[in-house]
mmCIF file of all heavy atoms, coordinates in Angstrom:
data_MODEL
# 
_entry.id   MODEL 
# 
loop_
_atom_site.group_PDB 
_atom_site.id 
_atom_site.type_symbol 
_atom_site.label_atom_id 
_atom_site.label_alt_id 
_atom_site.label_comp_id 
_atom_site.label_asym_id 
_atom_site.label_entity_id 
_atom_site.label_seq_id 
_atom_site.pdbx_PDB_ins_code 
_atom_site.Cartn_x 
_atom_site.Cartn_y 
_atom_site.Cartn_z 
_atom_site.occupancy 
_atom_site.B_iso_or_equiv 
_atom_site.pdbx_formal_charge 
_atom_site.auth_seq_id 
_atom_site.auth_comp_id 
_atom_site.auth_asym_id 
_atom_site.auth_atom_id 
_atom_site.pdbx_PDB_model_num 
ATOM 1   N N   . ASN A 1 1  ? 76.065  48.760 59.416 1.00 0.00 ? 1  ASN A N   1 
ATOM 2   C CA  . ASN A 1 1  ? 75.956  48.946 57.970 1.00 0.00 ? 1  ASN A CA  1 
ATOM 3   C C   . ASN A 1 1  ? 74.669  49.566 57.489 1.00 0.00 ? 1  ASN A C   1 
ATOM 4   O O   . ASN A 1 1  ? 74.626  50.100 56.407 1.00 0.00 ? 1  ASN A O   1 
ATOM 5   C CB  . ASN A 1 1  ? 76.295  47.646 57.252 1.00 0.00 ? 1  ASN A CB  1 
ATOM 6   C CG  . ASN A 1 1  ? 75.231  46.573 57.574 1.00 0.00 ? 1  ASN A CG  1 
ATOM 7   O OD1 . ASN A 1 1  ? 74.972  46.239 58.674 1.00 0.00 ? 1  ASN A OD1 1 
ATOM 8   N ND2 . ASN A 1 1  ? 74.617  45.969 56.499 1.00 0.00 ? 1  ASN A ND2 1 
ATOM 9   N N   . ASP A 1 2  ? 73.640  49.476 58.381 1.00 0.00 ? 2  ASP A N   1 
ATOM 10  C CA  . ASP A 1 2  ? 72.375  50.151 57.972 1.00 0.00 ? 2  ASP A CA  1 
ATOM 11  C C   . ASP A 1 2  ? 72.297  51.554 58.472 1.00 0.00 ? 2  ASP A C   1 
ATOM 12  O O   . ASP A 1 2  ? 71.239  52.195 58.262 1.00 0.00 ? 2  ASP A O   1 
ATOM 13  C CB  . ASP A 1 2  ? 71.223  49.330 58.531 1.00 0.00 ? 2  ASP A CB  1 
ATOM 14  C CG  . ASP A 1 2  ? 71.157  49.254 60.062 1.00 0.00 ? 2  ASP A CG  1 
ATOM 15  O OD1 . ASP A 1 2  ? 72.074  49.865 60.728 1.00 0.00 ? 2  ASP A OD1 1 
ATOM 16  O OD2 . ASP A 1 2  ? 70.286  48.497 60.603 1.00 0.00 ? 2  ASP A OD2 1 
ATOM 17  N N   . GLY A 1 3  ? 73.339  52.064 59.013 1.00 0.00 ? 3  GLY A N   1 
ATOM 18  C CA  . GLY A 1 3  ? 73.408  53.446 59.451 1.00 0.00 ? 3  GLY A CA  1 
ATOM 19  C C   . GLY A 1 3  ? 72.974  53.651 60.932 1.00 0.00 ? 3  GLY A C   1 
ATOM 20  O O   . GLY A 1 3  ? 73.074  54.834 61.468 1.00 0.00 ? 3  GLY A O   1 
ATOM 21  N N   . SER A 1 4  ? 72.490  52.603 61.571 1.00 0.00 ? 4  SER A N   1 
ATOM 22  C CA  . SER A 1 4  ? 72.014  52.783 62.962 1.00 0.00 ? 4  SER A CA  1 
ATOM 23  C C   . SER A 1 4  ? 73.205  52.902 63.883 1.00 0.00 ? 4  SER A C   1 
ATOM 24  O O   . SER A 1 4  ? 74.354  52.416 63.620 1.00 0.00 ? 4  SER A O   1 
ATOM 25  C CB  . SER A 1 4  ? 71.186  51.593 63.398 1.00 0.00 ? 4  SER A CB  1 
ATOM 26  O OG  . SER A 1 4  ? 71.899  50.351 63.271 1.00 0.00 ? 4  SER A OG  1 
ATOM 27  N N   . LEU A 1 5  ? 73.020  53.623 65.012 1.00 0.00 ? 5  LEU A N   1 
ATOM 28  C CA  . LEU A 1 5  ? 74.039  53.868 66.085 1.00 0.00 ? 5  LEU A CA  1 
ATOM 29  C C   . LEU A 1 5  ? 73.639  53.231 67.351 1.00 0.00 ? 5  LEU A C   1 
ATOM 30  O O   . LEU A 1 5  ? 72.488  53.338 67.790 1.00 0.00 ? 5  LEU A O   1 
ATOM 31  C CB  . LEU A 1 5  ? 74.297  55.328 66.280 1.00 0.00 ? 5  LEU A CB  1 
ATOM 32  C CG  . LEU A 1 5  ? 74.709  56.147 65.065 1.00 0.00 ? 5  LEU A CG  1 
ATOM 33  C CD1 . LEU A 1 5  ? 74.711  57.638 65.378 1.00 0.00 ? 5  LEU A CD1 1 
ATOM 34  C CD2 . LEU A 1 5  ? 76.151  55.767 64.606 1.00 0.00 ? 5  LEU A CD2 1 
ATOM 35  N N   . VAL A 1 6  ? 74.587  52.616 68.011 1.00 0.00 ? 6  VAL A N   1 
ATOM 36  C CA  . VAL A 1 6  ? 74.341  52.083 69.404 1.00 0.00 ? 6  VAL A CA  1 
ATOM 37  C C   . VAL A 1 6  ? 75.519  52.472 70.251 1.00 0.00 ? 6  VAL A C   1 
ATOM 38  O O   . VAL A 1 6  ? 76.618  52.740 69.745 1.00 0.00 ? 6  VAL A O   1 
ATOM 39  C CB  . VAL A 1 6  ? 74.188  50.576 69.423 1.00 0.00 ? 6  VAL A CB  1 
ATOM 40  C CG1 . VAL A 1 6  ? 72.985  50.176 68.572 1.00 0.00 ? 6  VAL A CG1 1 
ATOM 41  C CG2 . VAL A 1 6  ? 75.442  49.857 68.922 1.00 0.00 ? 6  VAL A CG2 1 
ATOM 42  N N   . MET A 1 7  ? 75.282  52.544 71.625 1.00 0.00 ? 7  MET A N   1 
ATOM 43  C CA  . MET A 1 7  ? 76.371  53.028 72.482 1.00 0.00 ? 7  MET A CA  1 
ATOM 44  C C   . MET A 1 7  ? 76.363  52.280 73.793 1.00 0.00 ? 7  MET A C   1 
ATOM 45  O O   . MET A 1 7  ? 75.337  51.956 74.369 1.00 0.00 ? 7  MET A O   1 
ATOM 46  C CB  . MET A 1 7  ? 76.123  54.533 72.767 1.00 0.00 ? 7  MET A CB  1 
ATOM 47  C CG  . MET A 1 7  ? 77.105  55.145 73.733 1.00 0.00 ? 7  MET A CG  1 
ATOM 48  S SD  . MET A 1 7  ? 76.979  56.951 73.869 1.00 0.00 ? 7  MET A SD  1 
ATOM 49  C CE  . MET A 1 7  ? 75.346  57.114 74.712 1.00 0.00 ? 7  MET A CE  1 
ATOM 50  N N   . ASP A 1 8  ? 77.568  52.020 74.242 1.00 0.00 ? 8  ASP A N   1 
ATOM 51  C CA  . ASP A 1 8  ? 77.780  51.448 75.610 1.00 0.00 ? 8  ASP A CA  1 
ATOM 52  C C   . ASP A 1 8  ? 78.702  52.386 76.405 1.00 0.00 ? 8  ASP A C   1 
ATOM 53  O O   . ASP A 1 8  ? 79.595  53.034 75.756 1.00 0.00 ? 8  ASP A O   1 
ATOM 54  C CB  . ASP A 1 8  ? 78.407  50.037 75.534 1.00 0.00 ? 8  ASP A CB  1 
ATOM 55  C CG  . ASP A 1 8  ? 78.289  49.282 76.871 1.00 0.00 ? 8  ASP A CG  1 
ATOM 56  O OD1 . ASP A 1 8  ? 77.534  49.735 77.679 1.00 0.00 ? 8  ASP A OD1 1 
ATOM 57  O OD2 . ASP A 1 8  ? 79.016  48.283 77.006 1.00 0.00 ? 8  ASP A OD2 1 
ATOM 58  N N   . THR A 1 9  ? 78.550  52.491 77.690 1.00 0.00 ? 9  THR A N   1 
ATOM 59  C CA  . THR A 1 9  ? 79.390  53.465 78.418 1.00 0.00 ? 9  THR A CA  1 
ATOM 60  C C   . THR A 1 9  ? 79.920  52.879 79.678 1.00 0.00 ? 9  THR A C   1 
ATOM 61  O O   . THR A 1 9  ? 79.398  51.888 80.242 1.00 0.00 ? 9  THR A O   1 
ATOM 62  C CB  . THR A 1 9  ? 78.498  54.733 78.860 1.00 0.00 ? 9  THR A CB  1 
ATOM 63  O OG1 . THR A 1 9  ? 77.493  54.340 79.746 1.00 0.00 ? 9  THR A OG1 1 
ATOM 64  C CG2 . THR A 1 9  ? 77.877  55.375 77.592 1.00 0.00 ? 9  THR A CG2 1 
ATOM 65  N N   . ARG A 1 10 ? 80.967  53.469 80.175 1.00 0.00 ? 10 ARG A N   1 
ATOM 66  C CA  . ARG A 1 10 ? 81.551  53.175 81.480 1.00 0.00 ? 10 ARG A CA  1 
ATOM 67  C C   . ARG A 1 10 ? 82.078  54.437 82.086 1.00 0.00 ? 10 ARG A C   1 
ATOM 68  O O   . ARG A 1 10 ? 82.511  55.368 81.351 1.00 0.00 ? 10 ARG A O   1 
ATOM 69  C CB  . ARG A 1 10 ? 82.687  52.149 81.364 1.00 0.00 ? 10 ARG A CB  1 
ATOM 70  C CG  . ARG A 1 10 ? 82.335  50.778 80.866 1.00 0.00 ? 10 ARG A CG  1 
ATOM 71  C CD  . ARG A 1 10 ? 81.516  50.030 81.914 1.00 0.00 ? 10 ARG A CD  1 
ATOM 72  N NE  . ARG A 1 10 ? 81.231  48.659 81.459 1.00 0.00 ? 10 ARG A NE  1 
ATOM 73  C CZ  . ARG A 1 10 ? 80.101  48.361 80.732 1.00 0.00 ? 10 ARG A CZ  1 
ATOM 74  N NH1 . ARG A 1 10 ? 79.279  49.299 80.336 1.00 0.00 ? 10 ARG A NH1 1 
ATOM 75  N NH2 . ARG A 1 10 ? 79.896  47.095 80.389 1.00 0.00 ? 10 ARG A NH2 1 
ATOM 76  N N   . PHE A 1 11 ? 82.085  54.564 83.415 1.00 0.00 ? 11 PHE A N   1 
ATOM 77  C CA  . PHE A 1 11 ? 82.624  55.772 84.093 1.00 0.00 ? 11 PHE A CA  1 
ATOM 78  C C   . PHE A 1 11 ? 84.016  55.356 84.634 1.00 0.00 ? 11 PHE A C   1 
ATOM 79  O O   . PHE A 1 11 ? 84.100  54.288 85.363 1.00 0.00 ? 11 PHE A O   1 
ATOM 80  C CB  . PHE A 1 11 ? 81.737  56.254 85.247 1.00 0.00 ? 11 PHE A CB  1 
ATOM 81  C CG  . PHE A 1 11 ? 82.212  57.534 85.750 1.00 0.00 ? 11 PHE A CG  1 
ATOM 82  C CD1 . PHE A 1 11 ? 81.926  58.705 85.113 1.00 0.00 ? 11 PHE A CD1 1 
ATOM 83  C CD2 . PHE A 1 11 ? 82.981  57.631 86.927 1.00 0.00 ? 11 PHE A CD2 1 
ATOM 84  C CE1 . PHE A 1 11 ? 82.296  59.947 85.575 1.00 0.00 ? 11 PHE A CE1 1 
ATOM 85  C CE2 . PHE A 1 11 ? 83.425  58.836 87.410 1.00 0.00 ? 11 PHE A CE2 1 
ATOM 86  C CZ  . PHE A 1 11 ? 83.086  60.022 86.779 1.00 0.00 ? 11 PHE A CZ  1 
ATOM 87  N N   . VAL A 1 12 ? 85.035  56.118 84.301 1.00 0.00 ? 12 VAL A N   1 
ATOM 88  C CA  . VAL A 1 12 ? 86.407  55.725 84.704 1.00 0.00 ? 12 VAL A CA  1 
ATOM 89  C C   . VAL A 1 12 ? 86.964  56.890 85.657 1.00 0.00 ? 12 VAL A C   1 
ATOM 90  O O   . VAL A 1 12 ? 86.817  58.007 85.306 1.00 0.00 ? 12 VAL A O   1 
ATOM 91  C CB  . VAL A 1 12 ? 87.326  55.606 83.501 1.00 0.00 ? 12 VAL A CB  1 
ATOM 92  C CG1 . VAL A 1 12 ? 88.763  55.418 83.958 1.00 0.00 ? 12 VAL A CG1 1 
ATOM 93  C CG2 . VAL A 1 12 ? 86.814  54.455 82.608 1.00 0.00 ? 12 VAL A CG2 1 
ATOM 94  N N   . LYS A 1 13 ? 87.485  56.446 86.788 1.00 0.00 ? 13 LYS A N   1 
ATOM 95  C CA  . LYS A 1 13 ? 88.102  57.333 87.716 1.00 0.00 ? 13 LYS A CA  1 
ATOM 96  C C   . LYS A 1 13 ? 89.617  57.389 87.452 1.00 0.00 ? 13 LYS A C   1 
ATOM 97  O O   . LYS A 1 13 ? 90.297  56.385 87.767 1.00 0.00 ? 13 LYS A O   1 
ATOM 98  C CB  . LYS A 1 13 ? 87.839  56.941 89.157 1.00 0.00 ? 13 LYS A CB  1 
ATOM 99  C CG  . LYS A 1 13 ? 86.345  57.037 89.513 1.00 0.00 ? 13 LYS A CG  1 
ATOM 100 C CD  . LYS A 1 13 ? 86.115  56.545 90.909 1.00 0.00 ? 13 LYS A CD  1 
ATOM 101 C CE  . LYS A 1 13 ? 84.594  56.613 91.283 1.00 0.00 ? 13 LYS A CE  1 
ATOM 102 N NZ  . LYS A 1 13 ? 84.321  56.198 92.675 1.00 0.00 ? 13 LYS A NZ  1 
ATOM 103 N N   . ALA A 1 14 ? 90.080  58.412 86.839 1.00 0.00 ? 14 ALA A N   1 
ATOM 104 C CA  . ALA A 1 14 ? 91.530  58.576 86.563 1.00 0.00 ? 14 ALA A CA  1 
ATOM 105 C C   . ALA A 1 14 ? 91.753  60.065 86.324 1.00 0.00 ? 14 ALA A C   1 
ATOM 106 O O   . ALA A 1 14 ? 90.855  60.804 85.893 1.00 0.00 ? 14 ALA A O   1 
ATOM 107 C CB  . ALA A 1 14 ? 91.984  57.784 85.370 1.00 0.00 ? 14 ALA A CB  1 
ATOM 108 N N   . SER A 1 15 ? 92.972  60.582 86.511 1.00 0.00 ? 15 SER A N   1 
ATOM 109 C CA  . SER A 1 15 ? 93.235  61.984 86.239 1.00 0.00 ? 15 SER A CA  1 
ATOM 110 C C   . SER A 1 15 ? 94.686  62.162 85.952 1.00 0.00 ? 15 SER A C   1 
ATOM 111 O O   . SER A 1 15 ? 95.636  61.492 86.470 1.00 0.00 ? 15 SER A O   1 
ATOM 112 C CB  . SER A 1 15 ? 92.854  62.801 87.506 1.00 0.00 ? 15 SER A CB  1 
ATOM 113 O OG  . SER A 1 15 ? 93.599  62.455 88.677 1.00 0.00 ? 15 SER A OG  1 
ATOM 114 N N   . GLY A 1 16 ? 94.955  63.150 85.059 1.00 0.00 ? 16 GLY A N   1 
ATOM 115 C CA  . GLY A 1 16 ? 96.311  63.583 84.681 1.00 0.00 ? 16 GLY A CA  1 
ATOM 116 C C   . GLY A 1 16 ? 96.968  62.799 83.670 1.00 0.00 ? 16 GLY A C   1 
ATOM 117 O O   . GLY A 1 16 ? 98.245  62.972 83.339 1.00 0.00 ? 16 GLY A O   1 
ATOM 118 N N   . GLY A 1 17 ? 96.303  61.890 82.964 1.00 0.00 ? 17 GLY A N   1 
ATOM 119 C CA  . GLY A 1 17 ? 96.910  60.990 81.949 1.00 0.00 ? 17 GLY A CA  1 
ATOM 120 C C   . GLY A 1 17 ? 97.394  61.709 80.775 1.00 0.00 ? 17 GLY A C   1 
ATOM 121 O O   . GLY A 1 17 ? 98.516  61.418 80.278 1.00 0.00 ? 17 GLY A O   1 
ATOM 122 N N   . CYS A 1 18 ? 96.725  62.724 80.266 1.00 0.00 ? 18 CYS A N   1 
ATOM 123 C CA  . CYS A 1 18 ? 97.137  63.434 79.022 1.00 0.00 ? 18 CYS A CA  1 
ATOM 124 C C   . CYS A 1 18 ? 98.277  64.400 79.291 1.00 0.00 ? 18 CYS A C   1 
ATOM 125 O O   . CYS A 1 18 ? 99.065  64.727 78.395 1.00 0.00 ? 18 CYS A O   1 
ATOM 126 C CB  . CYS A 1 18 ? 95.956  64.174 78.389 1.00 0.00 ? 18 CYS A CB  1 
ATOM 127 S SG  . CYS A 1 18 ? 94.601  63.124 77.846 1.00 0.00 ? 18 CYS A SG  1 
ATOM 128 N N   . SER A 1 19 ? 98.319  64.972 80.531 1.00 0.00 ? 19 SER A N   1 
ATOM 129 C CA  . SER A 1 19 ? 99.391  65.916 80.886 1.00 0.00 ? 19 SER A CA  1 
ATOM 130 C C   . SER A 1 19 ? 100.549 65.262 81.661 1.00 0.00 ? 19 SER A C   1 
ATOM 131 O O   . SER A 1 19 ? 101.403 65.998 82.149 1.00 0.00 ? 19 SER A O   1 
ATOM 132 C CB  . SER A 1 19 ? 98.736  67.066 81.677 1.00 0.00 ? 19 SER A CB  1 
ATOM 133 O OG  . SER A 1 19 ? 98.064  66.583 82.769 1.00 0.00 ? 19 SER A OG  1 
ATOM 134 N N   . ALA A 1 20 ? 100.503 63.937 81.808 1.00 0.00 ? 20 ALA A N   1 
ATOM 135 C CA  . ALA A 1 20 ? 101.580 63.284 82.550 1.00 0.00 ? 20 ALA A CA  1 
ATOM 136 C C   . ALA A 1 20 ? 102.902 63.266 81.768 1.00 0.00 ? 20 ALA A C   1 
ATOM 137 O O   . ALA A 1 20 ? 102.854 63.222 80.534 1.00 0.00 ? 20 ALA A O   1 
ATOM 138 C CB  . ALA A 1 20 ? 101.155 61.854 82.888 1.00 0.00 ? 20 ALA A CB  1 
ATOM 139 N N   . PRO A 1 21 ? 104.050 63.418 82.420 1.00 0.00 ? 21 PRO A N   1 
ATOM 140 C CA  . PRO A 1 21 ? 105.321 63.364 81.700 1.00 0.00 ? 21 PRO A CA  1 
ATOM 141 C C   . PRO A 1 21 ? 105.508 62.021 81.108 1.00 0.00 ? 21 PRO A C   1 
ATOM 142 O O   . PRO A 1 21 ? 104.931 61.021 81.572 1.00 0.00 ? 21 PRO A O   1 
ATOM 143 C CB  . PRO A 1 21 ? 106.329 63.697 82.818 1.00 0.00 ? 21 PRO A CB  1 
ATOM 144 C CG  . PRO A 1 21 ? 105.707 63.323 84.089 1.00 0.00 ? 21 PRO A CG  1 
ATOM 145 C CD  . PRO A 1 21 ? 104.176 63.601 83.874 1.00 0.00 ? 21 PRO A CD  1 
ATOM 146 N N   . ALA A 1 22 ? 106.389 62.006 80.094 1.00 0.00 ? 22 ALA A N   1 
ATOM 147 C CA  . ALA A 1 22 ? 106.672 60.726 79.418 1.00 0.00 ? 22 ALA A CA  1 
ATOM 148 C C   . ALA A 1 22 ? 107.294 59.692 80.378 1.00 0.00 ? 22 ALA A C   1 
ATOM 149 O O   . ALA A 1 22 ? 108.049 60.130 81.306 1.00 0.00 ? 22 ALA A O   1 
ATOM 150 C CB  . ALA A 1 22 ? 107.584 60.967 78.231 1.00 0.00 ? 22 ALA A CB  1 
ATOM 151 N N   . GLY A 1 23 ? 107.061 58.471 80.129 1.00 0.00 ? 23 GLY A N   1 
ATOM 152 C CA  . GLY A 1 23 ? 107.577 57.367 81.001 1.00 0.00 ? 23 GLY A CA  1 
ATOM 153 C C   . GLY A 1 23 ? 108.994 57.127 80.771 1.00 0.00 ? 23 GLY A C   1 
ATOM 154 O O   . GLY A 1 23 ? 109.654 56.452 81.562 1.00 0.00 ? 23 GLY A O   1 
ATOM 155 N N   . LYS A 1 24 ? 109.533 57.484 79.555 1.00 0.00 ? 24 LYS A N   1 
ATOM 156 C CA  . LYS A 1 24 ? 110.944 57.210 79.286 1.00 0.00 ? 24 LYS A CA  1 
ATOM 157 C C   . LYS A 1 24 ? 111.696 58.478 78.919 1.00 0.00 ? 24 LYS A C   1 
ATOM 158 O O   . LYS A 1 24 ? 111.114 59.524 78.547 1.00 0.00 ? 24 LYS A O   1 
ATOM 159 C CB  . LYS A 1 24 ? 110.975 56.175 78.071 1.00 0.00 ? 24 LYS A CB  1 
ATOM 160 C CG  . LYS A 1 24 ? 110.439 54.836 78.470 1.00 0.00 ? 24 LYS A CG  1 
ATOM 161 C CD  . LYS A 1 24 ? 110.537 53.844 77.307 1.00 0.00 ? 24 LYS A CD  1 
ATOM 162 C CE  . LYS A 1 24 ? 110.066 52.450 77.641 1.00 0.00 ? 24 LYS A CE  1 
ATOM 163 N NZ  . LYS A 1 24 ? 110.230 51.471 76.524 1.00 0.00 ? 24 LYS A NZ  1 
ATOM 164 N N   . ASP A 1 25 ? 113.024 58.321 78.881 1.00 0.00 ? 25 ASP A N   1 
ATOM 165 C CA  . ASP A 1 25 ? 113.864 59.426 78.416 1.00 0.00 ? 25 ASP A CA  1 
ATOM 166 C C   . ASP A 1 25 ? 113.552 59.762 76.998 1.00 0.00 ? 25 ASP A C   1 
ATOM 167 O O   . ASP A 1 25 ? 113.375 58.846 76.153 1.00 0.00 ? 25 ASP A O   1 
ATOM 168 C CB  . ASP A 1 25 ? 115.342 58.984 78.554 1.00 0.00 ? 25 ASP A CB  1 
ATOM 169 C CG  . ASP A 1 25 ? 116.293 60.026 78.017 1.00 0.00 ? 25 ASP A CG  1 
ATOM 170 O OD1 . ASP A 1 25 ? 116.527 60.988 78.763 1.00 0.00 ? 25 ASP A OD1 1 
ATOM 171 O OD2 . ASP A 1 25 ? 116.741 59.843 76.859 1.00 0.00 ? 25 ASP A OD2 1 
ATOM 172 N N   . ALA A 1 26 ? 113.495 61.046 76.707 1.00 0.00 ? 26 ALA A N   1 
ATOM 173 C CA  . ALA A 1 26 ? 112.976 61.564 75.340 1.00 0.00 ? 26 ALA A CA  1 
ATOM 174 C C   . ALA A 1 26 ? 114.013 61.028 74.256 1.00 0.00 ? 26 ALA A C   1 
ATOM 175 O O   . ALA A 1 26 ? 113.565 60.569 73.194 1.00 0.00 ? 26 ALA A O   1 
ATOM 176 C CB  . ALA A 1 26 ? 112.920 63.008 75.339 1.00 0.00 ? 26 ALA A CB  1 
# 
């Protein structure tokens, strides 16, 4: 609320999630 910014990070090993086909029949 005072406008300050803080950040935490993690590195994730994964690939193809956004372009993967849908898991169910359309």
